Amino acid sequence: MNKKTAIYFGPPLSILTKNEKNTMEISGRLNRTAERYLEIRKEHGIELSEAECECLVRICDFGYMAPNEIRELPLDVRSTDFDIDGLDKEALAIKLESASFADLVVIVDELGF
């Protein structure tokens, strides 16, 4: 178990914990949610080649990816103006379109965004 850490409660965490009454309930809610998310990460995601990962890193490189931006990854892949050896942009876009939102979130997370 980690020592106590101060964290910023932005809107998503505030919404998630709005019904919790005290620190223990808030902590419990956050830990249950994190545990479930870690299980989602085990079950989702798609296989990507190095070239496909490089393409997505270049697209996501500005940092934080909002949910609507994650959903738009196939469009972003198609509209890139760079080339990467071994990358088939249309095949990657189709792969991303067929993925679930959970799959896309895991991909973005695994790439560090």
N, C-alpha and C. Protein backbone atom coordinates (compact mmCIF):
# COMPACT_ATOMS: atom_id res chain seq x y z
N MET A 1 0.85 -1.17 0.00
CA MET A 1 0.00 0.00 0.00
C MET A 1 0.89 1.24 0.00
N ASN A 2 0.49 2.24 -0.77
CA ASN A 2 1.27 3.47 -0.86
C ASN A 2 0.95 4.42 0.28
N LYS A 3 1.90 5.30 0.56
CA LYS A 3 1.64 6.33 1.56
C LYS A 3 0.57 7.27 1.03
N LYS A 4 0.03 8.10 1.88
CA LYS A 4 -1.01 9.04 1.45
C LYS A 4 -0.43 10.01 0.43
N THR A 5 -1.23 10.27 -0.58
CA THR A 5 -0.83 11.16 -1.65
C THR A 5 -1.95 12.15 -1.91
N ALA A 6 -1.60 13.40 -1.98
CA ALA A 6 -2.60 14.42 -2.31
C ALA A 6 -2.85 14.35 -3.81
N ILE A 7 -4.11 14.36 -4.20
CA ILE A 7 -4.44 14.38 -5.62
C ILE A 7 -5.47 15.46 -5.89
N TYR A 8 -5.46 15.95 -7.11
CA TYR A 8 -6.42 16.95 -7.53
C TYR A 8 -7.70 16.25 -7.97
N PHE A 9 -8.82 16.67 -7.42
CA PHE A 9 -10.12 16.12 -7.79
C PHE A 9 -10.74 17.00 -8.86
N GLY A 10 -10.42 16.69 -10.11
CA GLY A 10 -11.04 17.39 -11.22
C GLY A 10 -12.47 16.91 -11.39
N PRO A 11 -13.16 17.44 -12.37
CA PRO A 11 -14.56 17.07 -12.57
C PRO A 11 -14.84 15.57 -12.65
N PRO A 12 -14.05 14.77 -13.37
CA PRO A 12 -14.39 13.34 -13.42
C PRO A 12 -14.35 12.66 -12.05
N LEU A 13 -13.33 12.96 -11.24
CA LEU A 13 -13.26 12.35 -9.91
C LEU A 13 -14.34 12.89 -8.99
N SER A 14 -14.66 14.15 -9.13
CA SER A 14 -15.74 14.74 -8.32
C SER A 14 -17.06 14.07 -8.63
N ILE A 15 -17.34 13.84 -9.91
CA ILE A 15 -18.58 13.16 -10.31
C ILE A 15 -18.57 11.72 -9.80
N LEU A 16 -17.45 11.03 -9.96
CA LEU A 16 -17.34 9.64 -9.54
C LEU A 16 -17.60 9.47 -8.04
N THR A 17 -17.17 10.43 -7.24
CA THR A 17 -17.25 10.29 -5.78
C THR A 17 -18.29 11.19 -5.13
N LYS A 18 -19.20 11.75 -5.90
CA LYS A 18 -20.15 12.73 -5.35
C LYS A 18 -21.05 12.16 -4.25
N ASN A 19 -21.30 10.86 -4.26
CA ASN A 19 -22.19 10.26 -3.24
C ASN A 19 -21.44 9.72 -2.03
N GLU A 20 -20.13 9.80 -2.06
CA GLU A 20 -19.33 9.29 -0.94
C GLU A 20 -19.27 10.35 0.15
N LYS A 21 -19.31 9.90 1.39
CA LYS A 21 -19.45 10.83 2.52
C LYS A 21 -18.14 11.16 3.23
N ASN A 22 -17.16 10.28 3.16
CA ASN A 22 -15.94 10.53 3.92
C ASN A 22 -14.73 9.99 3.16
N THR A 23 -13.55 10.23 3.71
CA THR A 23 -12.30 9.86 3.04
C THR A 23 -12.23 8.36 2.75
N MET A 24 -12.67 7.53 3.68
CA MET A 24 -12.61 6.08 3.46
C MET A 24 -13.53 5.66 2.32
N GLU A 25 -14.71 6.24 2.22
CA GLU A 25 -15.62 5.91 1.13
C GLU A 25 -15.06 6.38 -0.21
N ILE A 26 -14.50 7.58 -0.21
CA ILE A 26 -13.89 8.11 -1.45
C ILE A 26 -12.73 7.22 -1.87
N SER A 27 -11.87 6.87 -0.93
CA SER A 27 -10.73 6.01 -1.22
C SER A 27 -11.20 4.66 -1.76
N GLY A 28 -12.22 4.11 -1.12
CA GLY A 28 -12.76 2.82 -1.57
C GLY A 28 -13.30 2.91 -2.99
N ARG A 29 -14.03 3.97 -3.29
CA ARG A 29 -14.58 4.14 -4.63
C ARG A 29 -13.47 4.24 -5.67
N LEU A 30 -12.45 5.04 -5.38
CA LEU A 30 -11.34 5.21 -6.32
C LEU A 30 -10.59 3.89 -6.53
N ASN A 31 -10.34 3.16 -5.46
CA ASN A 31 -9.62 1.90 -5.58
C ASN A 31 -10.43 0.83 -6.31
N ARG A 32 -11.74 0.76 -6.07
CA ARG A 32 -12.59 -0.19 -6.81
C ARG A 32 -12.60 0.15 -8.30
N THR A 33 -12.72 1.44 -8.60
CA THR A 33 -12.74 1.87 -9.99
C THR A 33 -11.41 1.56 -10.67
N ALA A 34 -10.30 1.82 -9.98
CA ALA A 34 -8.98 1.52 -10.54
C ALA A 34 -8.80 0.02 -10.74
N GLU A 35 -9.25 -0.78 -9.80
CA GLU A 35 -9.14 -2.23 -9.93
C GLU A 35 -9.92 -2.73 -11.15
N ARG A 36 -11.12 -2.21 -11.33
CA ARG A 36 -11.94 -2.60 -12.48
C ARG A 36 -11.28 -2.15 -13.79
N TYR A 37 -10.73 -0.95 -13.78
CA TYR A 37 -10.07 -0.45 -14.98
C TYR A 37 -8.87 -1.32 -15.34
N LEU A 38 -8.11 -1.74 -14.34
CA LEU A 38 -6.97 -2.61 -14.61
C LEU A 38 -7.42 -3.93 -15.24
N GLU A 39 -8.58 -4.44 -14.83
CA GLU A 39 -9.12 -5.65 -15.46
C GLU A 39 -9.54 -5.38 -16.90
N ILE A 40 -10.14 -4.21 -17.14
CA ILE A 40 -10.51 -3.84 -18.51
C ILE A 40 -9.26 -3.81 -19.38
N ARG A 41 -8.17 -3.28 -18.86
CA ARG A 41 -6.92 -3.22 -19.63
C ARG A 41 -6.43 -4.61 -20.00
N LYS A 42 -6.67 -5.60 -19.14
CA LYS A 42 -6.25 -6.97 -19.44
C LYS A 42 -7.07 -7.57 -20.58
N GLU A 43 -8.32 -7.17 -20.70
CA GLU A 43 -9.25 -7.77 -21.65
C GLU A 43 -9.34 -7.04 -22.98
N HIS A 44 -8.82 -5.83 -23.06
CA HIS A 44 -9.00 -5.01 -24.24
C HIS A 44 -7.68 -4.56 -24.83
N GLY A 45 -7.76 -3.90 -25.97
CA GLY A 45 -6.59 -3.48 -26.72
C GLY A 45 -6.53 -4.29 -27.99
N ILE A 46 -5.71 -3.87 -28.91
CA ILE A 46 -5.53 -4.63 -30.15
C ILE A 46 -4.04 -4.69 -30.47
N GLU A 47 -3.68 -5.70 -31.24
CA GLU A 47 -2.29 -5.86 -31.65
C GLU A 47 -1.93 -4.79 -32.68
N LEU A 48 -0.82 -4.13 -32.46
CA LEU A 48 -0.34 -3.11 -33.38
C LEU A 48 1.11 -3.38 -33.75
N SER A 49 1.44 -3.11 -34.99
CA SER A 49 2.83 -3.22 -35.42
C SER A 49 3.62 -2.02 -34.90
N GLU A 50 4.92 -2.08 -35.03
CA GLU A 50 5.75 -0.94 -34.62
C GLU A 50 5.40 0.30 -35.41
N ALA A 51 5.17 0.13 -36.71
CA ALA A 51 4.82 1.28 -37.56
C ALA A 51 3.48 1.88 -37.14
N GLU A 52 2.51 1.03 -36.81
CA GLU A 52 1.21 1.52 -36.36
C GLU A 52 1.33 2.26 -35.03
N CYS A 53 2.12 1.72 -34.12
CA CYS A 53 2.35 2.41 -32.84
C CYS A 53 3.01 3.75 -33.06
N GLU A 54 4.02 3.78 -33.93
CA GLU A 54 4.71 5.04 -34.22
C GLU A 54 3.74 6.09 -34.78
N CYS A 55 2.85 5.66 -35.65
CA CYS A 55 1.85 6.57 -36.22
C CYS A 55 0.97 7.14 -35.11
N LEU A 56 0.47 6.27 -34.23
CA LEU A 56 -0.41 6.74 -33.16
C LEU A 56 0.33 7.63 -32.16
N VAL A 57 1.58 7.33 -31.89
CA VAL A 57 2.37 8.19 -31.01
C VAL A 57 2.50 9.59 -31.62
N ARG A 58 2.74 9.66 -32.90
CA ARG A 58 2.86 10.96 -33.56
C ARG A 58 1.53 11.73 -33.52
N ILE A 59 0.43 11.01 -33.66
CA ILE A 59 -0.89 11.65 -33.60
C ILE A 59 -1.20 12.12 -32.18
N CYS A 60 -0.89 11.30 -31.20
CA CYS A 60 -1.24 11.59 -29.80
C CYS A 60 -0.21 12.46 -29.09
N ASP A 61 0.89 12.78 -29.73
CA ASP A 61 2.04 13.38 -29.08
C ASP A 61 1.79 14.71 -28.39
N PHE A 62 0.66 15.36 -28.64
CA PHE A 62 0.40 16.62 -27.96
C PHE A 62 0.01 16.41 -26.51
N GLY A 63 -0.23 15.17 -26.09
CA GLY A 63 -0.48 14.90 -24.68
C GLY A 63 -1.84 14.29 -24.40
N TYR A 64 -2.56 14.90 -23.51
CA TYR A 64 -3.85 14.38 -23.05
C TYR A 64 -4.81 14.12 -24.22
N MET A 65 -5.43 12.96 -24.21
CA MET A 65 -6.41 12.59 -25.24
C MET A 65 -7.79 12.53 -24.59
N ALA A 66 -8.66 13.46 -24.93
CA ALA A 66 -10.03 13.46 -24.43
C ALA A 66 -10.80 12.32 -25.10
N PRO A 67 -11.87 11.86 -24.49
CA PRO A 67 -12.65 10.75 -25.09
C PRO A 67 -13.04 11.00 -26.55
N ASN A 68 -13.48 12.19 -26.89
CA ASN A 68 -13.86 12.44 -28.28
C ASN A 68 -12.66 12.36 -29.22
N GLU A 69 -11.47 12.74 -28.74
CA GLU A 69 -10.27 12.64 -29.56
C GLU A 69 -9.86 11.18 -29.76
N ILE A 70 -10.07 10.37 -28.74
CA ILE A 70 -9.77 8.93 -28.86
C ILE A 70 -10.68 8.31 -29.91
N ARG A 71 -11.95 8.68 -29.87
CA ARG A 71 -12.90 8.14 -30.86
C ARG A 71 -12.55 8.56 -32.29
N GLU A 72 -11.86 9.67 -32.45
CA GLU A 72 -11.52 10.20 -33.78
C GLU A 72 -10.19 9.68 -34.32
N LEU A 73 -9.56 8.75 -33.62
CA LEU A 73 -8.26 8.25 -34.08
C LEU A 73 -8.28 7.72 -35.52
N PRO A 74 -9.31 6.96 -35.94
CA PRO A 74 -9.29 6.50 -37.34
C PRO A 74 -9.25 7.67 -38.34
N LEU A 75 -10.02 8.70 -38.07
CA LEU A 75 -10.04 9.89 -38.93
C LEU A 75 -8.67 10.56 -38.92
N ASP A 76 -8.07 10.66 -37.74
CA ASP A 76 -6.75 11.27 -37.63
C ASP A 76 -5.70 10.50 -38.42
N VAL A 77 -5.79 9.16 -38.36
CA VAL A 77 -4.83 8.33 -39.11
C VAL A 77 -4.95 8.62 -40.60
N ARG A 78 -6.17 8.66 -41.07
CA ARG A 78 -6.40 8.91 -42.50
C ARG A 78 -5.93 10.30 -42.94
N SER A 79 -5.99 11.26 -42.05
CA SER A 79 -5.68 12.65 -42.44
C SER A 79 -4.23 13.04 -42.20
N THR A 80 -3.39 12.13 -41.74
CA THR A 80 -1.98 12.47 -41.52
C THR A 80 -1.29 12.74 -42.84
N ASP A 81 -0.29 13.59 -42.78
CA ASP A 81 0.47 13.90 -43.99
C ASP A 81 1.91 13.38 -43.92
N PHE A 82 2.18 12.49 -42.97
CA PHE A 82 3.51 11.91 -42.87
C PHE A 82 3.47 10.45 -43.32
N ASP A 83 4.62 9.93 -43.68
CA ASP A 83 4.76 8.53 -44.07
C ASP A 83 5.69 7.83 -43.09
N ILE A 84 5.37 6.59 -42.82
CA ILE A 84 6.20 5.75 -41.94
C ILE A 84 6.42 4.44 -42.68
N ASP A 85 7.66 4.00 -42.76
CA ASP A 85 7.97 2.74 -43.44
C ASP A 85 7.15 1.61 -42.83
N GLY A 86 6.48 0.86 -43.69
CA GLY A 86 5.71 -0.30 -43.24
C GLY A 86 4.32 0.01 -42.76
N LEU A 87 3.90 1.26 -42.84
CA LEU A 87 2.57 1.64 -42.35
C LEU A 87 1.56 1.68 -43.49
N ASP A 88 0.46 0.96 -43.30
CA ASP A 88 -0.70 1.04 -44.19
C ASP A 88 -1.75 1.81 -43.42
N LYS A 89 -1.86 3.11 -43.70
CA LYS A 89 -2.77 3.97 -42.94
C LYS A 89 -4.21 3.51 -43.03
N GLU A 90 -4.65 3.09 -44.21
CA GLU A 90 -6.04 2.66 -44.35
C GLU A 90 -6.31 1.40 -43.53
N ALA A 91 -5.39 0.46 -43.54
CA ALA A 91 -5.55 -0.76 -42.74
C ALA A 91 -5.60 -0.42 -41.25
N LEU A 92 -4.76 0.50 -40.81
CA LEU A 92 -4.78 0.91 -39.40
C LEU A 92 -6.09 1.60 -39.07
N ALA A 93 -6.55 2.49 -39.94
CA ALA A 93 -7.82 3.19 -39.69
C ALA A 93 -8.97 2.19 -39.58
N ILE A 94 -9.00 1.19 -40.45
CA ILE A 94 -10.05 0.17 -40.40
C ILE A 94 -9.95 -0.64 -39.10
N LYS A 95 -8.73 -0.97 -38.71
CA LYS A 95 -8.52 -1.70 -37.46
C LYS A 95 -9.06 -0.89 -36.28
N LEU A 96 -8.79 0.41 -36.26
CA LEU A 96 -9.25 1.26 -35.17
C LEU A 96 -10.77 1.44 -35.20
N GLU A 97 -11.34 1.53 -36.39
CA GLU A 97 -12.80 1.65 -36.50
C GLU A 97 -13.53 0.42 -35.97
N SER A 98 -12.92 -0.74 -36.13
CA SER A 98 -13.56 -1.97 -35.68
C SER A 98 -13.32 -2.24 -34.18
N ALA A 99 -12.46 -1.47 -33.58
CA ALA A 99 -12.16 -1.63 -32.15
C ALA A 99 -13.24 -0.97 -31.30
N SER A 100 -13.43 -1.49 -30.11
CA SER A 100 -14.35 -0.87 -29.16
C SER A 100 -13.70 0.37 -28.54
N PHE A 101 -14.50 1.19 -27.92
CA PHE A 101 -13.94 2.35 -27.24
C PHE A 101 -12.96 1.90 -26.16
N ALA A 102 -13.29 0.84 -25.44
CA ALA A 102 -12.38 0.31 -24.42
C ALA A 102 -11.04 -0.08 -25.04
N ASP A 103 -11.08 -0.71 -26.21
CA ASP A 103 -9.84 -1.07 -26.91
C ASP A 103 -9.00 0.17 -27.21
N LEU A 104 -9.67 1.21 -27.71
CA LEU A 104 -8.96 2.45 -28.06
C LEU A 104 -8.36 3.11 -26.82
N VAL A 105 -9.09 3.12 -25.73
CA VAL A 105 -8.57 3.72 -24.48
C VAL A 105 -7.33 2.96 -24.03
N VAL A 106 -7.38 1.65 -24.09
CA VAL A 106 -6.21 0.86 -23.67
C VAL A 106 -5.01 1.15 -24.57
N ILE A 107 -5.24 1.26 -25.86
CA ILE A 107 -4.14 1.58 -26.79
C ILE A 107 -3.50 2.92 -26.40
N VAL A 108 -4.33 3.94 -26.23
CA VAL A 108 -3.83 5.27 -25.89
C VAL A 108 -3.08 5.23 -24.56
N ASP A 109 -3.62 4.52 -23.58
CA ASP A 109 -2.95 4.39 -22.29
C ASP A 109 -1.61 3.69 -22.42
N GLU A 110 -1.58 2.59 -23.17
CA GLU A 110 -0.33 1.84 -23.32
C GLU A 110 0.74 2.66 -24.03
N LEU A 111 0.31 3.58 -24.89
CA LEU A 111 1.27 4.44 -25.57
C LEU A 111 1.71 5.62 -24.71
N GLY A 112 1.09 5.76 -23.53
CA GLY A 112 1.51 6.78 -22.58
C GLY A 112 0.73 8.08 -22.62
N PHE A 113 -0.42 8.05 -23.25
CA PHE A 113 -1.22 9.27 -23.35
C PHE A 113 -2.49 9.10 -22.58
